Amino acid sequence: MDVKLIKLLKKVRFMKVYVGENMKGLIPAAGSGERLQPITLAIPKELLVVGQKACIEHVVEAFKLANITDITIVVGWKKHAILDYFGSGKRLNVDITYLVQDNREGLAKAVEVGKRMMGNDTFAVVLGDNFFYPKTFLKEIIDFHIKEKSDCTVGVFRTDNPSNYGVIEPKNNKNIKDIIEKPSKEKAPSNLASAGIYVFEPCIFEAIKKTKKDKKGEYQLTNSIKIMVNEGKKVLYKKLKGNHIDIGTPGTLKKANDFFSDYVTD
């Protein structure tokens, strides 16, 4: 194929994604929410209320603001409750597809479950149990990903508790040199942690195939991203503006609701 034609096709592909065509969304929501028990013995943590709606609905609204209405939710624990809450997605003017992750083997496997729906398109991943404000965070990261023609973009925030997150080692103000899953504070390469927001090209699935289980028997998405870095893929990070709260504990769930009450108007 002519070199000029190849370059033109690549340019057209990125233009399509930018205006919302082909871009898809994936929400992993198959975790058991152990830190929130006994509440999560009855309902998925993604359905815990922040403000006047389930936390995961705030995530869906962020996808809509980024012009993504083709959304796949990976479910597992108490899956019928999430199906009952959203249905087809018509209430929110989106199209929702559900895929079941029967075995909870880590976030990398949850993303891999979505492969047949994501196809060969660029796609965004946002964890369903995180609260973000303002909700334009996802559009900003997607725009950055497209502009930089990245293979993987990780949304990050500053943290004082690196042992709860995947922590990046920045190479400069946008490139990732390394990423480590839940390091101790002493071994953390920085204070920049993954916020559970990613934009991927389909090559992530090849990296997931090469990912090995960790000591807990899980396949970590951070290790898949590390493989992409080691293979010379363009792996970038973007700092989040605004507020990010992981609702994984009773204390942080209360923090998210307090913030919503004090500052959120929509």
C-alpha atoms as a PDB file:
ATOM      1  CA  MET A   1       0.000   0.000   0.000  1.00  0.00           C
ATOM      2  CA  ASP A   2       1.247   3.493  -0.829  1.00  0.00           C
ATOM      3  CA  VAL A   3       2.941   5.207   2.144  1.00  0.00           C
ATOM      4  CA  LYS A   4       0.965   8.424   1.619  1.00  0.00           C
ATOM      5  CA  LEU A   5      -2.300   6.467   1.639  1.00  0.00           C
ATOM      6  CA  ILE A   6      -1.338   4.717   4.878  1.00  0.00           C
ATOM      7  CA  LYS A   7      -0.619   8.076   6.546  1.00  0.00           C
ATOM      8  CA  LEU A   8      -3.931   9.465   5.295  1.00  0.00           C
ATOM      9  CA  LEU A   9      -5.878   6.482   6.622  1.00  0.00           C
ATOM     10  CA  LYS A  10      -4.224   6.881  10.033  1.00  0.00           C
ATOM     11  CA  LYS A  11      -5.096  10.573  10.077  1.00  0.00           C
ATOM     12  CA  VAL A  12      -8.737   9.853   9.167  1.00  0.00           C
ATOM     13  CA  ARG A  13      -8.943   7.219  11.887  1.00  0.00           C
ATOM     14  CA  PHE A  14      -7.895   9.652  14.604  1.00  0.00           C
ATOM     15  CA  MET A  15     -10.257  12.329  13.245  1.00  0.00           C
ATOM     16  CA  LYS A  16     -13.185   9.921  13.516  1.00  0.00           C
ATOM     17  CA  VAL A  17     -12.393   9.095  17.116  1.00  0.00           C
ATOM     18  CA  TYR A  18     -12.075  12.779  17.987  1.00  0.00           C
ATOM     19  CA  VAL A  19     -15.618  13.605  16.899  1.00  0.00           C
ATOM     20  CA  GLY A  20     -17.041  10.657  18.802  1.00  0.00           C
ATOM     21  CA  GLU A  21     -17.392   8.118  16.014  1.00  0.00           C
ATOM     22  CA  ASN A  22     -16.085   4.629  16.887  1.00  0.00           C
ATOM     23  CA  MET A  23     -15.072   5.575  20.431  1.00  0.00           C
ATOM     24  CA  LYS A  24     -16.516   3.140  22.949  1.00  0.00           C
ATOM     25  CA  GLY A  25     -16.701   2.997  26.715  1.00  0.00           C
ATOM     26  CA  LEU A  26     -16.000   0.164  29.151  1.00  0.00           C
ATOM     27  CA  ILE A  27     -16.941   0.158  32.840  1.00  0.00           C
ATOM     28  CA  PRO A  28     -15.555  -2.686  34.984  1.00  0.00           C
ATOM     29  CA  ALA A  29     -18.094  -3.347  37.753  1.00  0.00           C
ATOM     30  CA  ALA A  30     -17.506  -6.939  38.798  1.00  0.00           C
ATOM     31  CA  GLY A  31     -15.771  -6.448  42.152  1.00  0.00           C
ATOM     32  CA  SER A  32     -17.194  -7.698  45.433  1.00  0.00           C
ATOM     33  CA  GLY A  33     -16.501  -4.544  47.478  1.00  0.00           C
ATOM     34  CA  GLU A  34     -14.989  -6.342  50.462  1.00  0.00           C
ATOM     35  CA  ARG A  35     -13.939  -3.127  52.238  1.00  0.00           C
ATOM     36  CA  LEU A  36     -17.557  -1.942  52.202  1.00  0.00           C
ATOM     37  CA  GLN A  37     -19.107  -5.040  53.699  1.00  0.00           C
ATOM     38  CA  PRO A  38     -21.690  -5.712  55.039  1.00  0.00           C
ATOM     39  CA  ILE A  39     -23.374  -3.126  52.761  1.00  0.00           C
ATOM     40  CA  THR A  40     -21.998  -4.784  49.634  1.00  0.00           C
ATOM     41  CA  LEU A  41     -23.289  -8.192  50.666  1.00  0.00           C
ATOM     42  CA  ALA A  42     -26.630  -6.880  49.408  1.00  0.00           C
ATOM     43  CA  ILE A  43     -25.749  -4.544  46.526  1.00  0.00           C
ATOM     44  CA  PRO A  44     -22.743  -3.851  44.282  1.00  0.00           C
ATOM     45  CA  LYS A  45     -20.513  -1.021  45.493  1.00  0.00           C
ATOM     46  CA  GLU A  46     -21.016   0.728  42.135  1.00  0.00           C
ATOM     47  CA  LEU A  47     -24.677   1.238  43.063  1.00  0.00           C
ATOM     48  CA  LEU A  48     -23.917   2.977  46.341  1.00  0.00           C
ATOM     49  CA  VAL A  49     -25.381   6.462  46.195  1.00  0.00           C
ATOM     50  CA  VAL A  50     -23.309   9.609  45.800  1.00  0.00           C
ATOM     51  CA  GLY A  51     -25.593  12.606  45.864  1.00  0.00           C
ATOM     52  CA  GLN A  52     -28.910  11.567  44.380  1.00  0.00           C
ATOM     53  CA  LYS A  53     -27.783   8.700  42.128  1.00  0.00           C
ATOM     54  CA  ALA A  54     -25.586   5.608  42.054  1.00  0.00           C
ATOM     55  CA  CYS A  55     -21.864   6.278  41.746  1.00  0.00           C
ATOM     56  CA  ILE A  56     -21.730   4.391  38.445  1.00  0.00           C
ATOM     57  CA  GLU A  57     -24.372   6.709  36.957  1.00  0.00           C
ATOM     58  CA  HIS A  58     -21.981   9.635  37.420  1.00  0.00           C
ATOM     59  CA  VAL A  59     -19.491   7.621  35.344  1.00  0.00           C
ATOM     60  CA  VAL A  60     -22.035   7.046  32.573  1.00  0.00           C
ATOM     61  CA  GLU A  61     -22.753  10.785  32.523  1.00  0.00           C
ATOM     62  CA  ALA A  62     -19.028  11.463  32.069  1.00  0.00           C
ATOM     63  CA  PHE A  63     -19.050   9.152  29.033  1.00  0.00           C
ATOM     64  CA  LYS A  64     -21.978  11.100  27.586  1.00  0.00           C
ATOM     65  CA  LEU A  65     -20.119  14.391  28.039  1.00  0.00           C
ATOM     66  CA  ALA A  66     -17.271  12.825  26.054  1.00  0.00           C
ATOM     67  CA  ASN A  67     -19.753  11.927  23.260  1.00  0.00           C
ATOM     68  CA  ILE A  68     -19.568   8.212  24.068  1.00  0.00           C
ATOM     69  CA  THR A  69     -22.951   6.512  24.138  1.00  0.00           C
ATOM     70  CA  ASP A  70     -21.885   2.946  23.260  1.00  0.00           C
ATOM     71  CA  ILE A  71     -21.042   1.604  26.706  1.00  0.00           C
ATOM     72  CA  THR A  72     -20.248  -1.901  27.945  1.00  0.00           C
ATOM     73  CA  ILE A  73     -20.467  -2.735  31.644  1.00  0.00           C
ATOM     74  CA  VAL A  74     -18.566  -5.795  32.879  1.00  0.00           C
ATOM     75  CA  VAL A  75     -20.597  -7.251  35.726  1.00  0.00           C
ATOM     76  CA  GLY A  76     -20.197 -10.127  38.135  1.00  0.00           C
ATOM     77  CA  TRP A  77     -21.046  -9.676  41.799  1.00  0.00           C
ATOM     78  CA  LYS A  78     -24.818  -9.170  42.219  1.00  0.00           C
ATOM     79  CA  LYS A  79     -24.972  -8.484  38.466  1.00  0.00           C
ATOM     80  CA  HIS A  80     -28.759  -8.344  38.229  1.00  0.00           C
ATOM     81  CA  ALA A  81     -28.912  -5.230  40.390  1.00  0.00           C
ATOM     82  CA  ILE A  82     -26.872  -3.224  37.870  1.00  0.00           C
ATOM     83  CA  LEU A  83     -28.998  -4.544  35.002  1.00  0.00           C
ATOM     84  CA  ASP A  84     -32.136  -3.533  36.890  1.00  0.00           C
ATOM     85  CA  TYR A  85     -30.745  -0.055  37.572  1.00  0.00           C
ATOM     86  CA  PHE A  86     -29.766   0.830  33.989  1.00  0.00           C
ATOM     87  CA  GLY A  87     -31.708  -1.552  31.771  1.00  0.00           C
ATOM     88  CA  SER A  88     -30.859  -0.834  28.140  1.00  0.00           C
ATOM     89  CA  GLY A  89     -29.601   2.649  29.007  1.00  0.00           C
ATOM     90  CA  LYS A  90     -32.579   4.360  27.362  1.00  0.00           C
ATOM     91  CA  ARG A  91     -33.298   6.410  30.498  1.00  0.00           C
ATOM     92  CA  LEU A  92     -29.905   8.093  30.068  1.00  0.00           C
ATOM     93  CA  ASN A  93     -29.958   8.110  26.250  1.00  0.00           C
ATOM     94  CA  VAL A  94     -27.085   5.637  25.952  1.00  0.00           C
ATOM     95  CA  ASP A  95     -26.802   2.065  24.697  1.00  0.00           C
ATOM     96  CA  ILE A  96     -25.580  -0.311  27.402  1.00  0.00           C
ATOM     97  CA  THR A  97     -24.339  -3.846  26.827  1.00  0.00           C
ATOM     98  CA  TYR A  98     -23.549  -6.187  29.718  1.00  0.00           C
ATOM     99  CA  LEU A  99     -20.810  -8.804  29.820  1.00  0.00           C
ATOM    100  CA  VAL A 100     -20.299 -11.210  32.713  1.00  0.00           C
ATOM    101  CA  GLN A 101     -16.932 -11.830  34.343  1.00  0.00           C
ATOM    102  CA  ASP A 102     -17.591 -15.149  36.080  1.00  0.00           C
ATOM    103  CA  ASN A 103     -14.256 -15.301  37.902  1.00  0.00           C
ATOM    104  CA  ARG A 104     -12.832 -12.196  39.567  1.00  0.00           C
ATOM    105  CA  GLU A 105      -9.226 -12.477  38.412  1.00  0.00           C
ATOM    106  CA  GLY A 106      -8.168  -8.844  38.426  1.00  0.00           C
ATOM    107  CA  LEU A 107      -8.778  -5.690  36.428  1.00  0.00           C
ATOM    108  CA  ALA A 108      -6.796  -6.839  33.371  1.00  0.00           C
ATOM    109  CA  LYS A 109      -9.155  -9.775  32.925  1.00  0.00           C
ATOM    110  CA  ALA A 110     -12.176  -7.498  33.362  1.00  0.00           C
ATOM    111  CA  VAL A 111     -10.895  -5.345  30.501  1.00  0.00           C
ATOM    112  CA  GLU A 112     -10.189  -8.453  28.435  1.00  0.00           C
ATOM    113  CA  VAL A 113     -13.812  -9.559  28.858  1.00  0.00           C
ATOM    114  CA  GLY A 114     -14.794  -6.404  26.970  1.00  0.00           C
ATOM    115  CA  LYS A 115     -12.604  -7.212  23.963  1.00  0.00           C
ATOM    116  CA  ARG A 116     -15.367  -8.521  21.718  1.00  0.00           C
ATOM    117  CA  MET A 117     -17.383  -5.337  22.208  1.00  0.00           C
ATOM    118  CA  MET A 118     -14.442  -2.924  21.877  1.00  0.00           C
ATOM    119  CA  GLY A 119     -13.225  -4.601  18.675  1.00  0.00           C
ATOM    120  CA  ASN A 120     -10.509  -2.656  16.878  1.00  0.00           C
ATOM    121  CA  ASP A 121     -11.632   0.737  18.123  1.00  0.00           C
ATOM    122  CA  THR A 122     -10.064   3.146  20.559  1.00  0.00           C
ATOM    123  CA  PHE A 123     -11.902   2.850  23.871  1.00  0.00           C
ATOM    124  CA  ALA A 124     -12.040   4.468  27.294  1.00  0.00           C
ATOM    125  CA  VAL A 125     -12.163   2.613  30.613  1.00  0.00           C
ATOM    126  CA  VAL A 126     -13.489   4.151  33.834  1.00  0.00           C
ATOM    127  CA  LEU A 127     -13.959   2.156  37.021  1.00  0.00           C
ATOM    128  CA  GLY A 128     -17.558   2.221  38.177  1.00  0.00           C
ATOM    129  CA  ASP A 129     -16.810   2.817  41.860  1.00  0.00           C
ATOM    130  CA  ASN A 130     -14.980   6.140  41.547  1.00  0.00           C
ATOM    131  CA  PHE A 131     -16.468   9.613  41.877  1.00  0.00           C
ATOM    132  CA  PHE A 132     -15.032  12.433  39.767  1.00  0.00           C
ATOM    133  CA  TYR A 133     -15.871  16.111  39.537  1.00  0.00           C
ATOM    134  CA  PRO A 134     -16.152  17.935  37.237  1.00  0.00           C
ATOM    135  CA  LYS A 135     -17.411  15.260  34.873  1.00  0.00           C
ATOM    136  CA  THR A 136     -15.494  16.720  31.945  1.00  0.00           C
ATOM    137  CA  PHE A 137     -12.408  14.810  33.164  1.00  0.00           C
ATOM    138  CA  LEU A 138     -12.913  12.011  30.642  1.00  0.00           C
ATOM    139  CA  LYS A 139     -13.307  14.260  27.605  1.00  0.00           C
ATOM    140  CA  GLU A 140     -10.086  16.054  28.551  1.00  0.00           C
ATOM    141  CA  ILE A 141      -8.136  12.790  28.782  1.00  0.00           C
ATOM    142  CA  ILE A 142      -9.578  11.493  25.506  1.00  0.00           C
ATOM    143  CA  ASP A 143      -8.697  14.736  23.712  1.00  0.00           C
ATOM    144  CA  PHE A 144      -5.151  14.455  25.078  1.00  0.00           C
ATOM    145  CA  HIS A 145      -4.904  10.797  23.974  1.00  0.00           C
ATOM    146  CA  ILE A 146      -6.023  11.616  20.436  1.00  0.00           C
ATOM    147  CA  LYS A 147      -3.829  14.698  20.121  1.00  0.00           C
ATOM    148  CA  GLU A 148      -0.736  12.780  21.260  1.00  0.00           C
ATOM    149  CA  LYS A 149      -1.647   9.657  19.236  1.00  0.00           C
ATOM    150  CA  SER A 150      -1.008   7.597  22.318  1.00  0.00           C
ATOM    151  CA  ASP A 151      -1.345   3.815  22.625  1.00  0.00           C
ATOM    152  CA  CYS A 152      -2.355   4.116  26.276  1.00  0.00           C
ATOM    153  CA  THR A 153      -3.194   7.116  28.431  1.00  0.00           C
ATOM    154  CA  VAL A 154      -3.567   6.856  32.200  1.00  0.00           C
ATOM    155  CA  GLY A 155      -5.444   9.473  34.209  1.00  0.00           C
ATOM    156  CA  VAL A 156      -3.527  10.170  37.432  1.00  0.00           C
ATOM    157  CA  PHE A 157      -3.924  12.130  40.659  1.00  0.00           C
ATOM    158  CA  ARG A 158      -1.687  12.944  43.607  1.00  0.00           C
ATOM    159  CA  THR A 159      -1.994  10.619  46.594  1.00  0.00           C
ATOM    160  CA  ASP A 160      -0.513  10.244  50.056  1.00  0.00           C
ATOM    161  CA  ASN A 161      -1.489   6.553  50.116  1.00  0.00           C
ATOM    162  CA  PRO A 162       0.347   4.858  47.205  1.00  0.00           C
ATOM    163  CA  SER A 163      -0.208   1.361  48.629  1.00  0.00           C
ATOM    164  CA  ASN A 164      -3.859   1.601  47.559  1.00  0.00           C
ATOM    165  CA  TYR A 165      -3.182   2.272  43.873  1.00  0.00           C
ATOM    166  CA  GLY A 166      -1.079   1.674  40.810  1.00  0.00           C
ATOM    167  CA  VAL A 167       1.648   4.328  40.964  1.00  0.00           C
ATOM    168  CA  ILE A 168       3.520   5.667  37.940  1.00  0.00           C
ATOM    169  CA  GLU A 169       7.161   6.606  37.535  1.00  0.00           C
ATOM    170  CA  PRO A 170       7.051   9.581  35.172  1.00  0.00           C
ATOM    171  CA  LYS A 171       9.728   9.967  32.512  1.00  0.00           C
ATOM    172  CA  ASN A 172       8.817  13.608  31.892  1.00  0.00           C
ATOM    173  CA  ASN A 173       5.614  15.655  32.016  1.00  0.00           C
ATOM    174  CA  LYS A 174       3.610  13.146  29.955  1.00  0.00           C
ATOM    175  CA  ASN A 175       5.493   9.849  29.371  1.00  0.00           C
ATOM    176  CA  ILE A 176       5.348   6.903  31.764  1.00  0.00           C
ATOM    177  CA  LYS A 177       8.661   5.173  32.511  1.00  0.00           C
ATOM    178  CA  ASP A 178       7.194   2.525  34.830  1.00  0.00           C
ATOM    179  CA  ILE A 179       4.049   1.689  36.751  1.00  0.00           C
ATOM    180  CA  ILE A 180       3.910  -0.324  39.978  1.00  0.00           C
ATOM    181  CA  GLU A 181       0.867  -1.920  41.603  1.00  0.00           C
ATOM    182  CA  LYS A 182       0.292  -0.834  45.224  1.00  0.00           C
ATOM    183  CA  PRO A 183       3.868  -0.092  46.308  1.00  0.00           C
ATOM    184  CA  SER A 184       4.724   0.808  49.883  1.00  0.00           C
ATOM    185  CA  LYS A 185       5.188   4.506  50.568  1.00  0.00           C
ATOM    186  CA  GLU A 186       8.940   3.945  50.795  1.00  0.00           C
ATOM    187  CA  LYS A 187       9.133   2.200  47.404  1.00  0.00           C
ATOM    188  CA  ALA A 188       6.648   4.356  45.496  1.00  0.00           C
ATOM    189  CA  PRO A 189       8.385   5.976  42.498  1.00  0.00           C
ATOM    190  CA  SER A 190       6.193   9.098  42.790  1.00  0.00           C
ATOM    191  CA  ASN A 191       2.970  10.356  44.366  1.00  0.00           C
ATOM    192  CA  LEU A 192       1.071  10.069  41.056  1.00  0.00           C
ATOM    193  CA  ALA A 193      -1.469   7.244  41.142  1.00  0.00           C
ATOM    194  CA  SER A 194      -3.821   5.814  38.578  1.00  0.00           C
ATOM    195  CA  ALA A 195      -7.345   7.135  39.100  1.00  0.00           C
ATOM    196  CA  GLY A 196      -8.959   4.189  37.334  1.00  0.00           C
ATOM    197  CA  ILE A 197      -9.323   6.125  34.073  1.00  0.00           C
ATOM    198  CA  TYR A 198      -7.682   4.871  30.899  1.00  0.00           C
ATOM    199  CA  VAL A 199      -7.844   5.352  27.143  1.00  0.00           C
ATOM    200  CA  PHE A 200      -6.536   2.418  25.126  1.00  0.00           C
ATOM    201  CA  GLU A 201      -5.789   1.401  21.600  1.00  0.00           C
ATOM    202  CA  PRO A 202      -6.611  -2.272  20.858  1.00  0.00           C
ATOM    203  CA  CYS A 203      -2.961  -3.274  21.388  1.00  0.00           C
ATOM    204  CA  ILE A 204      -3.737  -3.398  25.130  1.00  0.00           C
ATOM    205  CA  PHE A 205      -5.328  -6.808  24.546  1.00  0.00           C
ATOM    206  CA  GLU A 206      -2.032  -8.253  23.310  1.00  0.00           C
ATOM    207  CA  ALA A 207      -0.356  -6.965  26.461  1.00  0.00           C
ATOM    208  CA  ILE A 208      -3.070  -8.541  28.626  1.00  0.00           C
ATOM    209  CA  LYS A 209      -2.421 -11.888  26.930  1.00  0.00           C
ATOM    210  CA  LYS A 210       1.203 -11.644  28.069  1.00  0.00           C
ATOM    211  CA  THR A 211       0.335 -10.605  31.621  1.00  0.00           C
ATOM    212  CA  LYS A 212       1.057 -13.114  34.379  1.00  0.00           C
ATOM    213  CA  LYS A 213      -0.787 -13.625  37.632  1.00  0.00           C
ATOM    214  CA  ASP A 214       0.458 -11.786  40.690  1.00  0.00           C
ATOM    215  CA  LYS A 215       0.988 -13.363  44.105  1.00  0.00           C
ATOM    216  CA  LYS A 216      -2.736 -13.105  44.830  1.00  0.00           C
ATOM    217  CA  GLY A 217      -3.611 -14.972  41.651  1.00  0.00           C
ATOM    218  CA  GLU A 218      -4.900 -11.853  39.872  1.00  0.00           C
ATOM    219  CA  TYR A 219      -4.025 -10.262  36.546  1.00  0.00           C
ATOM    220  CA  GLN A 220      -3.250  -6.602  37.203  1.00  0.00           C
ATOM    221  CA  LEU A 221      -3.892  -3.989  34.522  1.00  0.00           C
ATOM    222  CA  THR A 222      -0.849  -2.084  35.771  1.00  0.00           C
ATOM    223  CA  ASN A 223       1.312  -5.055  34.756  1.00  0.00           C
ATOM    224  CA  SER A 224      -0.276  -5.061  31.295  1.00  0.00           C
ATOM    225  CA  ILE A 225       0.525  -1.358  30.950  1.00  0.00           C
ATOM    226  CA  LYS A 226       4.097  -2.061  32.128  1.00  0.00           C
ATOM    227  CA  ILE A 227       4.410  -4.584  29.269  1.00  0.00           C
ATOM    228  CA  MET A 228       3.328  -1.887  26.813  1.00  0.00           C
ATOM    229  CA  VAL A 229       5.994   0.453  28.231  1.00  0.00           C
ATOM    230  CA  ASN A 230       8.677  -2.237  27.959  1.00  0.00           C
ATOM    231  CA  GLU A 231       7.676  -2.976  24.367  1.00  0.00           C
ATOM    232  CA  GLY A 232       8.126   0.645  23.379  1.00  0.00           C
ATOM    233  CA  LYS A 233       4.465   1.584  23.023  1.00  0.00           C
ATOM    234  CA  LYS A 234       3.514   5.200  23.568  1.00  0.00           C
ATOM    235  CA  VAL A 235       2.221   5.167  27.137  1.00  0.00           C
ATOM    236  CA  LEU A 236       1.320   8.557  28.578  1.00  0.00           C
ATOM    237  CA  TYR A 237      -0.265  10.035  31.670  1.00  0.00           C
ATOM    238  CA  LYS A 238      -2.428  13.071  32.272  1.00  0.00           C
ATOM    239  CA  LYS A 239      -3.069  14.694  35.628  1.00  0.00           C
ATOM    240  CA  LEU A 240      -6.730  15.028  36.534  1.00  0.00           C
ATOM    241  CA  LYS A 241      -8.214  18.406  37.228  1.00  0.00           C
ATOM    242  CA  GLY A 242     -10.793  18.702  39.972  1.00  0.00           C
ATOM    243  CA  ASN A 243     -11.644  16.019  42.523  1.00  0.00           C
ATOM    244  CA  HIS A 244     -11.337  12.238  42.507  1.00  0.00           C
ATOM    245  CA  ILE A 245     -12.666  10.063  45.330  1.00  0.00           C
ATOM    246  CA  ASP A 246     -12.456   6.267  45.393  1.00  0.00           C
ATOM    247  CA  ILE A 247     -15.595   5.143  47.269  1.00  0.00           C
ATOM    248  CA  GLY A 248     -14.003   1.859  48.327  1.00  0.00           C
ATOM    249  CA  THR A 249     -14.433   2.406  52.086  1.00  0.00           C
ATOM    250  CA  PRO A 250     -17.227   3.786  54.303  1.00  0.00           C
ATOM    251  CA  GLY A 251     -15.055   6.820  55.029  1.00  0.00           C
ATOM    252  CA  THR A 252     -14.421   7.707  51.382  1.00  0.00           C
ATOM    253  CA  LEU A 253     -18.065   7.072  50.486  1.00  0.00           C
ATOM    254  CA  LYS A 254     -19.026   9.636  53.135  1.00  0.00           C
ATOM    255  CA  LYS A 255     -16.338  11.991  51.808  1.00  0.00           C
ATOM    256  CA  ALA A 256     -17.810  11.783  48.295  1.00  0.00           C
ATOM    257  CA  ASN A 257     -21.311  12.532  49.580  1.00  0.00           C
ATOM    258  CA  ASP A 258     -20.071  15.434  51.696  1.00  0.00           C
ATOM    259  CA  PHE A 259     -18.280  16.889  48.682  1.00  0.00           C
ATOM    260  CA  PHE A 260     -21.397  16.444  46.541  1.00  0.00           C
ATOM    261  CA  SER A 261     -23.555  18.228  49.097  1.00  0.00           C
ATOM    262  CA  ASP A 262     -21.152  21.153  49.441  1.00  0.00           C
ATOM    263  CA  TYR A 263     -19.974  21.741  45.877  1.00  0.00           C
ATOM    264  CA  VAL A 264     -21.921  19.896  43.161  1.00  0.00           C
ATOM    265  CA  THR A 265     -24.798  21.671  41.490  1.00  0.00           C
ATOM    266  CA  ASP A 266     -25.648  19.203  38.688  1.00  0.00           C
END
